[in-house]
Amino acid sequence: MRCPQCCSGGIYRPDRTMYERCPVCDLLFEREPGYFLGSLYISYAFASLILGVGMLALHLVLPEWDLGILVLIVGVLFLPFAPVVTRYARVLWIHFDRWAWPDQAGPAP
């Protein structure tokens, strides 16, 4: 969870809120309004993978249970992990975006 430019500044504060700029190199993390829309796709993929693997595991362990009940169990067990998945999705999106379009640095204050 480090800055994609300097690899030393953190993206998140200790209280789990996101910095607007890198505390070390002053890189602007959010290039434009709606910038993190791309991270929703990454978050969706992570969540689908986690829920799918959880469903498969529970179905293999409890094959006689109703699938609706298993979906509820996996969904409730996933809820504590949703903020973590969102944070990592944002970090991956920032790194991918800076890799794919490095010269679009965003406006300076």
PDB file of N, CA and C in Angstrom:
ATOM      1  N   MET A   1       0.829  -1.188   0.000  1.00  0.00           N
ATOM      2  CA  MET A   1       0.000   0.000   0.000  1.00  0.00           C
ATOM      3  C   MET A   1       0.870   1.248   0.000  1.00  0.00           C
ATOM      4  N   ARG A   2       1.790   1.277  -0.961  1.00  0.00           N
ATOM      5  CA  ARG A   2       2.717   2.398  -1.096  1.00  0.00           C
ATOM      6  C   ARG A   2       2.474   3.157  -2.385  1.00  0.00           C
ATOM      7  N   CYS A   3       2.975   4.355  -2.431  1.00  0.00           N
ATOM      8  CA  CYS A   3       2.853   5.231  -3.597  1.00  0.00           C
ATOM      9  C   CYS A   3       3.487   4.572  -4.826  1.00  0.00           C
ATOM     10  N   PRO A   4       2.827   4.625  -5.981  1.00  0.00           N
ATOM     11  CA  PRO A   4       3.399   4.002  -7.167  1.00  0.00           C
ATOM     12  C   PRO A   4       4.596   4.757  -7.751  1.00  0.00           C
ATOM     13  N   GLN A   5       4.781   6.009  -7.370  1.00  0.00           N
ATOM     14  CA  GLN A   5       5.885   6.796  -7.915  1.00  0.00           C
ATOM     15  C   GLN A   5       7.159   6.640  -7.103  1.00  0.00           C
ATOM     16  N   CYS A   6       7.075   6.827  -5.784  1.00  0.00           N
ATOM     17  CA  CYS A   6       8.285   6.784  -4.958  1.00  0.00           C
ATOM     18  C   CYS A   6       8.436   5.464  -4.194  1.00  0.00           C
ATOM     19  N   CYS A   7       7.377   4.703  -4.080  1.00  0.00           N
ATOM     20  CA  CYS A   7       7.359   3.403  -3.379  1.00  0.00           C
ATOM     21  C   CYS A   7       7.749   3.509  -1.906  1.00  0.00           C
ATOM     22  N   SER A   8       7.643   4.700  -1.336  1.00  0.00           N
ATOM     23  CA  SER A   8       7.941   4.818   0.087  1.00  0.00           C
ATOM     24  C   SER A   8       6.825   5.507   0.858  1.00  0.00           C
ATOM     25  N   GLY A   9       6.082   6.380   0.234  1.00  0.00           N
ATOM     26  CA  GLY A   9       4.980   7.057   0.909  1.00  0.00           C
ATOM     27  C   GLY A   9       3.743   6.182   0.953  1.00  0.00           C
ATOM     28  N   GLY A  10       3.043   6.215   2.058  1.00  0.00           N
ATOM     29  CA  GLY A  10       1.825   5.427   2.198  1.00  0.00           C
ATOM     30  C   GLY A  10       0.653   6.056   1.469  1.00  0.00           C
ATOM     31  N   ILE A  11      -0.293   5.223   1.060  1.00  0.00           N
ATOM     32  CA  ILE A  11      -1.512   5.715   0.418  1.00  0.00           C
ATOM     33  C   ILE A  11      -2.584   5.993   1.466  1.00  0.00           C
ATOM     34  N   TYR A  12      -2.549   5.226   2.558  1.00  0.00           N
ATOM     35  CA  TYR A  12      -3.546   5.382   3.618  1.00  0.00           C
ATOM     36  C   TYR A  12      -2.891   5.871   4.899  1.00  0.00           C
ATOM     37  N   ARG A  13      -3.627   6.690   5.637  1.00  0.00           N
ATOM     38  CA  ARG A  13      -3.201   7.155   6.958  1.00  0.00           C
ATOM     39  C   ARG A  13      -3.368   6.011   7.959  1.00  0.00           C
ATOM     40  N   PRO A  14      -2.789   6.140   9.148  1.00  0.00           N
ATOM     41  CA  PRO A  14      -2.985   5.097  10.169  1.00  0.00           C
ATOM     42  C   PRO A  14      -4.445   4.918  10.588  1.00  0.00           C
ATOM     43  N   ASP A  15      -5.270   5.962  10.433  1.00  0.00           N
ATOM     44  CA  ASP A  15      -6.688   5.834  10.790  1.00  0.00           C
ATOM     45  C   ASP A  15      -7.525   5.269   9.630  1.00  0.00           C
ATOM     46  N   ARG A  16      -6.869   4.758   8.611  1.00  0.00           N
ATOM     47  CA  ARG A  16      -7.482   4.079   7.456  1.00  0.00           C
ATOM     48  C   ARG A  16      -8.201   5.020   6.490  1.00  0.00           C
ATOM     49  N   THR A  17      -7.932   6.303   6.569  1.00  0.00           N
ATOM     50  CA  THR A  17      -8.441   7.217   5.553  1.00  0.00           C
ATOM     51  C   THR A  17      -7.332   7.430   4.530  1.00  0.00           C
ATOM     52  N   MET A  18      -7.716   7.826   3.346  1.00  0.00           N
ATOM     53  CA  MET A  18      -6.760   7.930   2.257  1.00  0.00           C
ATOM     54  C   MET A  18      -6.159   9.324   2.181  1.00  0.00           C
ATOM     55  N   TYR A  19      -4.855   9.382   1.948  1.00  0.00           N
ATOM     56  CA  TYR A  19      -4.197  10.663   1.696  1.00  0.00           C
ATOM     57  C   TYR A  19      -4.665  11.194   0.344  1.00  0.00           C
ATOM     58  N   GLU A  20      -4.732  12.506   0.225  1.00  0.00           N
ATOM     59  CA  GLU A  20      -5.038  13.109  -1.070  1.00  0.00           C
ATOM     60  C   GLU A  20      -3.799  13.072  -1.961  1.00  0.00           C
ATOM     61  N   ARG A  21      -2.639  13.281  -1.349  1.00  0.00           N
ATOM     62  CA  ARG A  21      -1.352  13.252  -2.047  1.00  0.00           C
ATOM     63  C   ARG A  21      -0.374  12.391  -1.264  1.00  0.00           C
ATOM     64  N   CYS A  22       0.638  11.913  -1.953  1.00  0.00           N
ATOM     65  CA  CYS A  22       1.679  11.125  -1.284  1.00  0.00           C
ATOM     66  C   CYS A  22       2.408  12.017  -0.281  1.00  0.00           C
ATOM     67  N   PRO A  23       2.596  11.554   0.951  1.00  0.00           N
ATOM     68  CA  PRO A  23       3.287  12.386   1.941  1.00  0.00           C
ATOM     69  C   PRO A  23       4.780  12.554   1.647  1.00  0.00           C
ATOM     70  N   VAL A  24       5.354  11.751   0.759  1.00  0.00           N
ATOM     71  CA  VAL A  24       6.779  11.841   0.457  1.00  0.00           C
ATOM     72  C   VAL A  24       7.034  12.622  -0.837  1.00  0.00           C
ATOM     73  N   CYS A  25       6.408  12.211  -1.953  1.00  0.00           N
ATOM     74  CA  CYS A  25       6.711  12.825  -3.252  1.00  0.00           C
ATOM     75  C   CYS A  25       5.602  13.750  -3.757  1.00  0.00           C
ATOM     76  N   ASP A  26       4.519  13.900  -3.021  1.00  0.00           N
ATOM     77  CA  ASP A  26       3.415  14.807  -3.347  1.00  0.00           C
ATOM     78  C   ASP A  26       2.641  14.404  -4.609  1.00  0.00           C
ATOM     79  N   LEU A  27       2.637  13.128  -4.953  1.00  0.00           N
ATOM     80  CA  LEU A  27       1.879  12.638  -6.103  1.00  0.00           C
ATOM     81  C   LEU A  27       0.388  12.677  -5.785  1.00  0.00           C
ATOM     82  N   LEU A  28      -0.390  13.239  -6.683  1.00  0.00           N
ATOM     83  CA  LEU A  28      -1.838  13.293  -6.524  1.00  0.00           C
ATOM     84  C   LEU A  28      -2.415  11.911  -6.821  1.00  0.00           C
ATOM     85  N   PHE A  29      -3.123  11.310  -5.852  1.00  0.00           N
ATOM     86  CA  PHE A  29      -3.645   9.959  -6.024  1.00  0.00           C
ATOM     87  C   PHE A  29      -4.914   9.946  -6.866  1.00  0.00           C
ATOM     88  N   GLU A  30      -5.823  10.869  -6.619  1.00  0.00           N
ATOM     89  CA  GLU A  30      -7.076  10.908  -7.367  1.00  0.00           C
ATOM     90  C   GLU A  30      -6.932  11.929  -8.485  1.00  0.00           C
ATOM     91  N   ARG A  31      -6.757  11.461  -9.713  1.00  0.00           N
ATOM     92  CA  ARG A  31      -6.466  12.344 -10.844  1.00  0.00           C
ATOM     93  C   ARG A  31      -7.647  13.206 -11.264  1.00  0.00           C
ATOM     94  N   GLU A  32      -8.860  12.695 -11.096  1.00  0.00           N
ATOM     95  CA  GLU A  32     -10.060  13.408 -11.540  1.00  0.00           C
ATOM     96  C   GLU A  32     -11.250  12.933 -10.724  1.00  0.00           C
ATOM     97  N   PRO A  33     -12.363  13.667 -10.735  1.00  0.00           N
ATOM     98  CA  PRO A  33     -13.563  13.185 -10.042  1.00  0.00           C
ATOM     99  C   PRO A  33     -14.030  11.858 -10.648  1.00  0.00           C
ATOM    100  N   GLY A  34     -14.366  10.933  -9.802  1.00  0.00           N
ATOM    101  CA  GLY A  34     -14.794   9.614 -10.271  1.00  0.00           C
ATOM    102  C   GLY A  34     -13.642   8.711 -10.638  1.00  0.00           C
ATOM    103  N   TYR A  35     -12.435   9.071 -10.235  1.00  0.00           N
ATOM    104  CA  TYR A  35     -11.231   8.331 -10.603  1.00  0.00           C
ATOM    105  C   TYR A  35     -11.279   6.873 -10.150  1.00  0.00           C
ATOM    106  N   PHE A  36     -11.824   6.621  -8.987  1.00  0.00           N
ATOM    107  CA  PHE A  36     -11.775   5.272  -8.433  1.00  0.00           C
ATOM    108  C   PHE A  36     -12.898   4.369  -8.928  1.00  0.00           C
ATOM    109  N   LEU A  37     -13.607   4.775  -9.950  1.00  0.00           N
ATOM    110  CA  LEU A  37     -14.610   3.912 -10.551  1.00  0.00           C
ATOM    111  C   LEU A  37     -13.970   2.622 -11.072  1.00  0.00           C
ATOM    112  N   GLY A  38     -12.777   2.727 -11.599  1.00  0.00           N
ATOM    113  CA  GLY A  38     -12.065   1.540 -12.086  1.00  0.00           C
ATOM    114  C   GLY A  38     -11.758   0.549 -10.980  1.00  0.00           C
ATOM    115  N   SER A  39     -11.555   1.051  -9.759  1.00  0.00           N
ATOM    116  CA  SER A  39     -11.268   0.143  -8.653  1.00  0.00           C
ATOM    117  C   SER A  39     -12.489  -0.692  -8.273  1.00  0.00           C
ATOM    118  N   LEU A  40     -13.680  -0.237  -8.656  1.00  0.00           N
ATOM    119  CA  LEU A  40     -14.879  -1.026  -8.382  1.00  0.00           C
ATOM    120  C   LEU A  40     -14.863  -2.350  -9.147  1.00  0.00           C
ATOM    121  N   TYR A  41     -14.307  -2.330 -10.353  1.00  0.00           N
ATOM    122  CA  TYR A  41     -14.206  -3.562 -11.131  1.00  0.00           C
ATOM    123  C   TYR A  41     -13.247  -4.549 -10.469  1.00  0.00           C
ATOM    124  N   ILE A  42     -12.143  -4.036  -9.956  1.00  0.00           N
ATOM    125  CA  ILE A  42     -11.186  -4.890  -9.248  1.00  0.00           C
ATOM    126  C   ILE A  42     -11.816  -5.429  -7.975  1.00  0.00           C
ATOM    127  N   SER A  43     -12.504  -4.570  -7.237  1.00  0.00           N
ATOM    128  CA  SER A  43     -13.174  -4.985  -6.007  1.00  0.00           C
ATOM    129  C   SER A  43     -14.236  -6.053  -6.289  1.00  0.00           C
ATOM    130  N   TYR A  44     -14.982  -5.859  -7.355  1.00  0.00           N
ATOM    131  CA  TYR A  44     -16.008  -6.834  -7.746  1.00  0.00           C
ATOM    132  C   TYR A  44     -15.373  -8.180  -8.078  1.00  0.00           C
ATOM    133  N   ALA A  45     -14.253  -8.165  -8.788  1.00  0.00           N
ATOM    134  CA  ALA A  45     -13.566  -9.418  -9.125  1.00  0.00           C
ATOM    135  C   ALA A  45     -13.049 -10.121  -7.875  1.00  0.00           C
ATOM    136  N   PHE A  46     -12.446  -9.358  -6.956  1.00  0.00           N
ATOM    137  CA  PHE A  46     -11.972  -9.951  -5.699  1.00  0.00           C
ATOM    138  C   PHE A  46     -13.123 -10.557  -4.909  1.00  0.00           C
ATOM    139  N   ALA A  47     -14.188  -9.789  -4.762  1.00  0.00           N
ATOM    140  CA  ALA A  47     -15.334 -10.262  -3.981  1.00  0.00           C
ATOM    141  C   ALA A  47     -15.956 -11.497  -4.622  1.00  0.00           C
ATOM    142  N   SER A  48     -16.087 -11.503  -5.932  1.00  0.00           N
ATOM    143  CA  SER A  48     -16.654 -12.662  -6.615  1.00  0.00           C
ATOM    144  C   SER A  48     -15.788 -13.895  -6.418  1.00  0.00           C
ATOM    145  N   LEU A  49     -14.483 -13.712  -6.504  1.00  0.00           N
ATOM    146  CA  LEU A  49     -13.563 -14.833  -6.289  1.00  0.00           C
ATOM    147  C   LEU A  49     -13.664 -15.369  -4.862  1.00  0.00           C
ATOM    148  N   ILE A  50     -13.645 -14.485  -3.892  1.00  0.00           N
ATOM    149  CA  ILE A  50     -13.717 -14.896  -2.491  1.00  0.00           C
ATOM    150  C   ILE A  50     -15.049 -15.584  -2.197  1.00  0.00           C
ATOM    151  N   LEU A  51     -16.142 -14.983  -2.667  1.00  0.00           N
ATOM    152  CA  LEU A  51     -17.460 -15.579  -2.424  1.00  0.00           C
ATOM    153  C   LEU A  51     -17.622 -16.905  -3.163  1.00  0.00           C
ATOM    154  N   GLY A  52     -17.087 -17.000  -4.363  1.00  0.00           N
ATOM    155  CA  GLY A  52     -17.175 -18.242  -5.119  1.00  0.00           C
ATOM    156  C   GLY A  52     -16.397 -19.373  -4.470  1.00  0.00           C
ATOM    157  N   VAL A  53     -15.193 -19.074  -4.028  1.00  0.00           N
ATOM    158  CA  VAL A  53     -14.389 -20.088  -3.342  1.00  0.00           C
ATOM    159  C   VAL A  53     -15.049 -20.474  -2.022  1.00  0.00           C
ATOM    160  N   GLY A  54     -15.584 -19.488  -1.313  1.00  0.00           N
ATOM    161  CA  GLY A  54     -16.288 -19.789  -0.066  1.00  0.00           C
ATOM    162  C   GLY A  54     -17.510 -20.655  -0.285  1.00  0.00           C
ATOM    163  N   MET A  55     -18.257 -20.356  -1.336  1.00  0.00           N
ATOM    164  CA  MET A  55     -19.436 -21.174  -1.655  1.00  0.00           C
ATOM    165  C   MET A  55     -19.034 -22.608  -2.001  1.00  0.00           C
ATOM    166  N   LEU A  56     -18.000 -22.748  -2.811  1.00  0.00           N
ATOM    167  CA  LEU A  56     -17.531 -24.082  -3.183  1.00  0.00           C
ATOM    168  C   LEU A  56     -17.080 -24.863  -1.957  1.00  0.00           C
ATOM    169  N   ALA A  57     -16.318 -24.210  -1.087  1.00  0.00           N
ATOM    170  CA  ALA A  57     -15.828 -24.884   0.121  1.00  0.00           C
ATOM    171  C   ALA A  57     -16.981 -25.307   1.020  1.00  0.00           C
ATOM    172  N   LEU A  58     -17.927 -24.411   1.245  1.00  0.00           N
ATOM    173  CA  LEU A  58     -19.059 -24.771   2.102  1.00  0.00           C
ATOM    174  C   LEU A  58     -19.925 -25.856   1.470  1.00  0.00           C
ATOM    175  N   HIS A  59     -20.094 -25.806   0.158  1.00  0.00           N
ATOM    176  CA  HIS A  59     -20.902 -26.839  -0.513  1.00  0.00           C
ATOM    177  C   HIS A  59     -20.222 -28.205  -0.447  1.00  0.00           C
ATOM    178  N   LEU A  60     -18.888 -28.215  -0.506  1.00  0.00           N
ATOM    179  CA  LEU A  60     -18.176 -29.481  -0.389  1.00  0.00           C
ATOM    180  C   LEU A  60     -18.218 -30.023   1.037  1.00  0.00           C
ATOM    181  N   VAL A  61     -18.192 -29.134   2.018  1.00  0.00           N
ATOM    182  CA  VAL A  61     -18.225 -29.561   3.427  1.00  0.00           C
ATOM    183  C   VAL A  61     -19.651 -29.908   3.856  1.00  0.00           C
ATOM    184  N   LEU A  62     -20.626 -29.145   3.386  1.00  0.00           N
ATOM    185  CA  LEU A  62     -22.021 -29.341   3.782  1.00  0.00           C
ATOM    186  C   LEU A  62     -22.903 -29.548   2.543  1.00  0.00           C
ATOM    187  N   PRO A  63     -22.770 -30.670   1.836  1.00  0.00           N
ATOM    188  CA  PRO A  63     -23.506 -30.839   0.581  1.00  0.00           C
ATOM    189  C   PRO A  63     -25.015 -30.963   0.755  1.00  0.00           C
ATOM    190  N   GLU A  64     -25.473 -31.353   1.937  1.00  0.00           N
ATOM    191  CA  GLU A  64     -26.910 -31.544   2.131  1.00  0.00           C
ATOM    192  C   GLU A  64     -27.653 -30.254   2.484  1.00  0.00           C
ATOM    193  N   TRP A  65     -26.922 -29.166   2.745  1.00  0.00           N
ATOM    194  CA  TRP A  65     -27.554 -27.893   3.110  1.00  0.00           C
ATOM    195  C   TRP A  65     -28.085 -27.189   1.868  1.00  0.00           C
ATOM    196  N   ASP A  66     -29.108 -26.386   2.063  1.00  0.00           N
ATOM    197  CA  ASP A  66     -29.707 -25.598   0.986  1.00  0.00           C
ATOM    198  C   ASP A  66     -28.713 -24.529   0.513  1.00  0.00           C
ATOM    199  N   LEU A  67     -28.634 -24.328  -0.794  1.00  0.00           N
ATOM    200  CA  LEU A  67     -27.688 -23.349  -1.329  1.00  0.00           C
ATOM    201  C   LEU A  67     -28.018 -21.921  -0.895  1.00  0.00           C
ATOM    202  N   GLY A  68     -29.289 -21.611  -0.685  1.00  0.00           N
ATOM    203  CA  GLY A  68     -29.666 -20.279  -0.203  1.00  0.00           C
ATOM    204  C   GLY A  68     -29.076 -19.984   1.170  1.00  0.00           C
ATOM    205  N   ILE A  69     -29.096 -20.981   2.046  1.00  0.00           N
ATOM    206  CA  ILE A  69     -28.502 -20.819   3.383  1.00  0.00           C
ATOM    207  C   ILE A  69     -26.990 -20.651   3.270  1.00  0.00           C
ATOM    208  N   LEU A  70     -26.364 -21.410   2.378  1.00  0.00           N
ATOM    209  CA  LEU A  70     -24.915 -21.297   2.201  1.00  0.00           C
ATOM    210  C   LEU A  70     -24.526 -19.922   1.658  1.00  0.00           C
ATOM    211  N   VAL A  71     -25.336 -19.391   0.756  1.00  0.00           N
ATOM    212  CA  VAL A  71     -25.076 -18.044   0.232  1.00  0.00           C
ATOM    213  C   VAL A  71     -25.150 -17.015   1.358  1.00  0.00           C
ATOM    214  N   LEU A  72     -26.141 -17.134   2.213  1.00  0.00           N
ATOM    215  CA  LEU A  72     -26.255 -16.212   3.353  1.00  0.00           C
ATOM    216  C   LEU A  72     -25.060 -16.330   4.289  1.00  0.00           C
ATOM    217  N   ILE A  73     -24.631 -17.548   4.572  1.00  0.00           N
ATOM    218  CA  ILE A  73     -23.491 -17.757   5.471  1.00  0.00           C
ATOM    219  C   ILE A  73     -22.230 -17.142   4.884  1.00  0.00           C
ATOM    220  N   VAL A  74     -21.966 -17.421   3.608  1.00  0.00           N
ATOM    221  CA  VAL A  74     -20.764 -16.879   2.965  1.00  0.00           C
ATOM    222  C   VAL A  74     -20.836 -15.359   2.887  1.00  0.00           C
ATOM    223  N   GLY A  75     -22.000 -14.817   2.593  1.00  0.00           N
ATOM    224  CA  GLY A  75     -22.160 -13.366   2.537  1.00  0.00           C
ATOM    225  C   GLY A  75     -21.890 -12.702   3.870  1.00  0.00           C
ATOM    226  N   VAL A  76     -22.403 -13.273   4.934  1.00  0.00           N
ATOM    227  CA  VAL A  76     -22.174 -12.707   6.272  1.00  0.00           C
ATOM    228  C   VAL A  76     -20.705 -12.840   6.667  1.00  0.00           C
ATOM    229  N   LEU A  77     -20.079 -13.961   6.331  1.00  0.00           N
ATOM    230  CA  LEU A  77     -18.662 -14.132   6.655  1.00  0.00           C
ATOM    231  C   LEU A  77     -17.768 -13.190   5.848  1.00  0.00           C
ATOM    232  N   PHE A  78     -18.226 -12.778   4.672  1.00  0.00           N
ATOM    233  CA  PHE A  78     -17.439 -11.874   3.832  1.00  0.00           C
ATOM    234  C   PHE A  78     -17.513 -10.422   4.303  1.00  0.00           C
ATOM    235  N   LEU A  79     -18.577 -10.025   4.959  1.00  0.00           N
ATOM    236  CA  LEU A  79     -18.776  -8.620   5.340  1.00  0.00           C
ATOM    237  C   LEU A  79     -17.589  -7.972   6.059  1.00  0.00           C
ATOM    238  N   PRO A  80     -16.941  -8.640   7.019  1.00  0.00           N
ATOM    239  CA  PRO A  80     -15.783  -7.985   7.658  1.00  0.00           C
ATOM    240  C   PRO A  80     -14.614  -7.742   6.704  1.00  0.00           C
ATOM    241  N   PHE A  81     -14.558  -8.489   5.606  1.00  0.00           N
ATOM    242  CA  PHE A  81     -13.460  -8.345   4.661  1.00  0.00           C
ATOM    243  C   PHE A  81     -13.734  -7.310   3.568  1.00  0.00           C
ATOM    244  N   ALA A  82     -14.939  -6.812   3.466  1.00  0.00           N
ATOM    245  CA  ALA A  82     -15.294  -5.860   2.409  1.00  0.00           C
ATOM    246  C   ALA A  82     -14.441  -4.582   2.440  1.00  0.00           C
ATOM    247  N   PRO A  83     -14.185  -3.953   3.599  1.00  0.00           N
ATOM    248  CA  PRO A  83     -13.329  -2.761   3.587  1.00  0.00           C
ATOM    249  C   PRO A  83     -11.898  -3.058   3.144  1.00  0.00           C
ATOM    250  N   VAL A  84     -11.384  -4.211   3.517  1.00  0.00           N
ATOM    251  CA  VAL A  84     -10.025  -4.579   3.118  1.00  0.00           C
ATOM    252  C   VAL A  84      -9.956  -4.785   1.610  1.00  0.00           C
ATOM    253  N   VAL A  85     -10.950  -5.450   1.062  1.00  0.00           N
ATOM    254  CA  VAL A  85     -11.001  -5.669  -0.385  1.00  0.00           C
ATOM    255  C   VAL A  85     -11.073  -4.326  -1.111  1.00  0.00           C
ATOM    256  N   THR A  86     -11.858  -3.407  -0.601  1.00  0.00           N
ATOM    257  CA  THR A  86     -11.983  -2.088  -1.221  1.00  0.00           C
ATOM    258  C   THR A  86     -10.662  -1.330  -1.191  1.00  0.00           C
ATOM    259  N   ARG A  87      -9.972  -1.382  -0.068  1.00  0.00           N
ATOM    260  CA  ARG A  87      -8.684  -0.683   0.037  1.00  0.00           C
ATOM    261  C   ARG A  87      -7.663  -1.246  -0.936  1.00  0.00           C
ATOM    262  N   TYR A  88      -7.549  -2.570  -0.991  1.00  0.00           N
ATOM    263  CA  TYR A  88      -6.576  -3.176  -1.906  1.00  0.00           C
ATOM    264  C   TYR A  88      -6.957  -2.938  -3.358  1.00  0.00           C
ATOM    265  N   ALA A  89      -8.240  -2.893  -3.661  1.00  0.00           N
ATOM    266  CA  ALA A  89      -8.677  -2.609  -5.027  1.00  0.00           C
ATOM    267  C   ALA A  89      -8.276  -1.193  -5.434  1.00  0.00           C
ATOM    268  N   ARG A  90      -8.400  -0.238  -4.522  1.00  0.00           N
ATOM    269  CA  ARG A  90      -7.985   1.138  -4.823  1.00  0.00           C
ATOM    270  C   ARG A  90      -6.484   1.214  -5.046  1.00  0.00           C
ATOM    271  N   VAL A  91      -5.715   0.531  -4.215  1.00  0.00           N
ATOM    272  CA  VAL A  91      -4.258   0.538  -4.366  1.00  0.00           C
ATOM    273  C   VAL A  91      -3.864  -0.082  -5.704  1.00  0.00           C
ATOM    274  N   LEU A  92      -4.466  -1.221  -6.041  1.00  0.00           N
ATOM    275  CA  LEU A  92      -4.161  -1.845  -7.326  1.00  0.00           C
ATOM    276  C   LEU A  92      -4.560  -0.951  -8.496  1.00  0.00           C
ATOM    277  N   TRP A  93      -5.690  -0.264  -8.374  1.00  0.00           N
ATOM    278  CA  TRP A  93      -6.115   0.635  -9.439  1.00  0.00           C
ATOM    279  C   TRP A  93      -5.125   1.785  -9.614  1.00  0.00           C
ATOM    280  N   ILE A  94      -4.664   2.379  -8.520  1.00  0.00           N
ATOM    281  CA  ILE A  94      -3.690   3.468  -8.600  1.00  0.00           C
ATOM    282  C   ILE A  94      -2.419   2.978  -9.297  1.00  0.00           C
ATOM    283  N   HIS A  95      -1.934   1.815  -8.897  1.00  0.00           N
ATOM    284  CA  HIS A  95      -0.707   1.286  -9.497  1.00  0.00           C
ATOM    285  C   HIS A  95      -0.908   0.953 -10.975  1.00  0.00           C
ATOM    286  N   PHE A  96      -2.038   0.343 -11.312  1.00  0.00           N
ATOM    287  CA  PHE A  96      -2.299   0.030 -12.714  1.00  0.00           C
ATOM    288  C   PHE A  96      -2.414   1.304 -13.544  1.00  0.00           C
ATOM    289  N   ASP A  97      -3.137   2.273 -13.038  1.00  0.00           N
ATOM    290  CA  ASP A  97      -3.348   3.515 -13.770  1.00  0.00           C
ATOM    291  C   ASP A  97      -2.036   4.256 -14.000  1.00  0.00           C
ATOM    292  N   ARG A  98      -1.195   4.315 -12.999  1.00  0.00           N
ATOM    293  CA  ARG A  98       0.097   4.995 -13.144  1.00  0.00           C
ATOM    294  C   ARG A  98       1.032   4.212 -14.069  1.00  0.00           C
ATOM    295  N   TRP A  99       0.878   2.901 -14.116  1.00  0.00           N
ATOM    296  CA  TRP A  99       1.678   2.089 -15.033  1.00  0.00           C
ATOM    297  C   TRP A  99       1.187   2.287 -16.472  1.00  0.00           C
ATOM    298  N   ALA A 100      -0.121   2.276 -16.663  1.00  0.00           N
ATOM    299  CA  ALA A 100      -0.685   2.368 -18.000  1.00  0.00           C
ATOM    300  C   ALA A 100      -0.597   3.770 -18.582  1.00  0.00           C
ATOM    301  N   TRP A 101      -0.773   4.808 -17.765  1.00  0.00           N
ATOM    302  CA  TRP A 101      -0.759   6.199 -18.226  1.00  0.00           C
ATOM    303  C   TRP A 101       0.144   7.032 -17.306  1.00  0.00           C
ATOM    304  N   PRO A 102       1.460   6.840 -17.381  1.00  0.00           N
ATOM    305  CA  PRO A 102       2.357   7.500 -16.414  1.00  0.00           C
ATOM    306  C   PRO A 102       2.503   9.003 -16.607  1.00  0.00           C
ATOM    307  N   ASP A 103       2.283   9.519 -17.809  1.00  0.00           N
ATOM    308  CA  ASP A 103       2.547  10.931 -18.064  1.00  0.00           C
ATOM    309  C   ASP A 103       1.395  11.847 -17.690  1.00  0.00           C
ATOM    310  N   GLN A 104       0.264  11.322 -17.303  1.00  0.00           N
ATOM    311  CA  GLN A 104      -0.882  12.139 -16.907  1.00  0.00           C
ATOM    312  C   GLN A 104      -0.848  12.315 -15.405  1.00  0.00           C
ATOM    313  N   ALA A 105      -0.049  13.246 -14.942  1.00  0.00           N
ATOM    314  CA  ALA A 105       0.217  13.375 -13.512  1.00  0.00           C
ATOM    315  C   ALA A 105      -0.870  14.096 -12.745  1.00  0.00           C
ATOM    316  N   GLY A 106      -1.760  14.799 -13.387  1.00  0.00           N
ATOM    317  CA  GLY A 106      -2.795  15.528 -12.679  1.00  0.00           C
ATOM    318  C   GLY A 106      -2.342  16.927 -12.325  1.00  0.00           C
ATOM    319  N   PRO A 107      -3.276  17.821 -12.026  1.00  0.00           N
ATOM    320  CA  PRO A 107      -2.927  19.215 -11.760  1.00  0.00           C
ATOM    321  C   PRO A 107      -2.253  19.396 -10.408  1.00  0.00           C
ATOM    322  N   ALA A 108      -1.324  20.311 -10.357  1.00  0.00           N
ATOM    323  CA  ALA A 108      -0.676  20.661  -9.089  1.00  0.00           C
ATOM    324  C   ALA A 108      -1.527  21.712  -8.384  1.00  0.00           C
ATOM    325  N   PRO A 109      -1.486  21.738  -7.056  1.00  0.00           N
ATOM    326  CA  PRO A 109      -2.312  22.708  -6.324  1.00  0.00           C
ATOM    327  C   PRO A 109      -1.813  24.132  -6.465  1.00  0.00           C
TER     328      PRO A 109
END
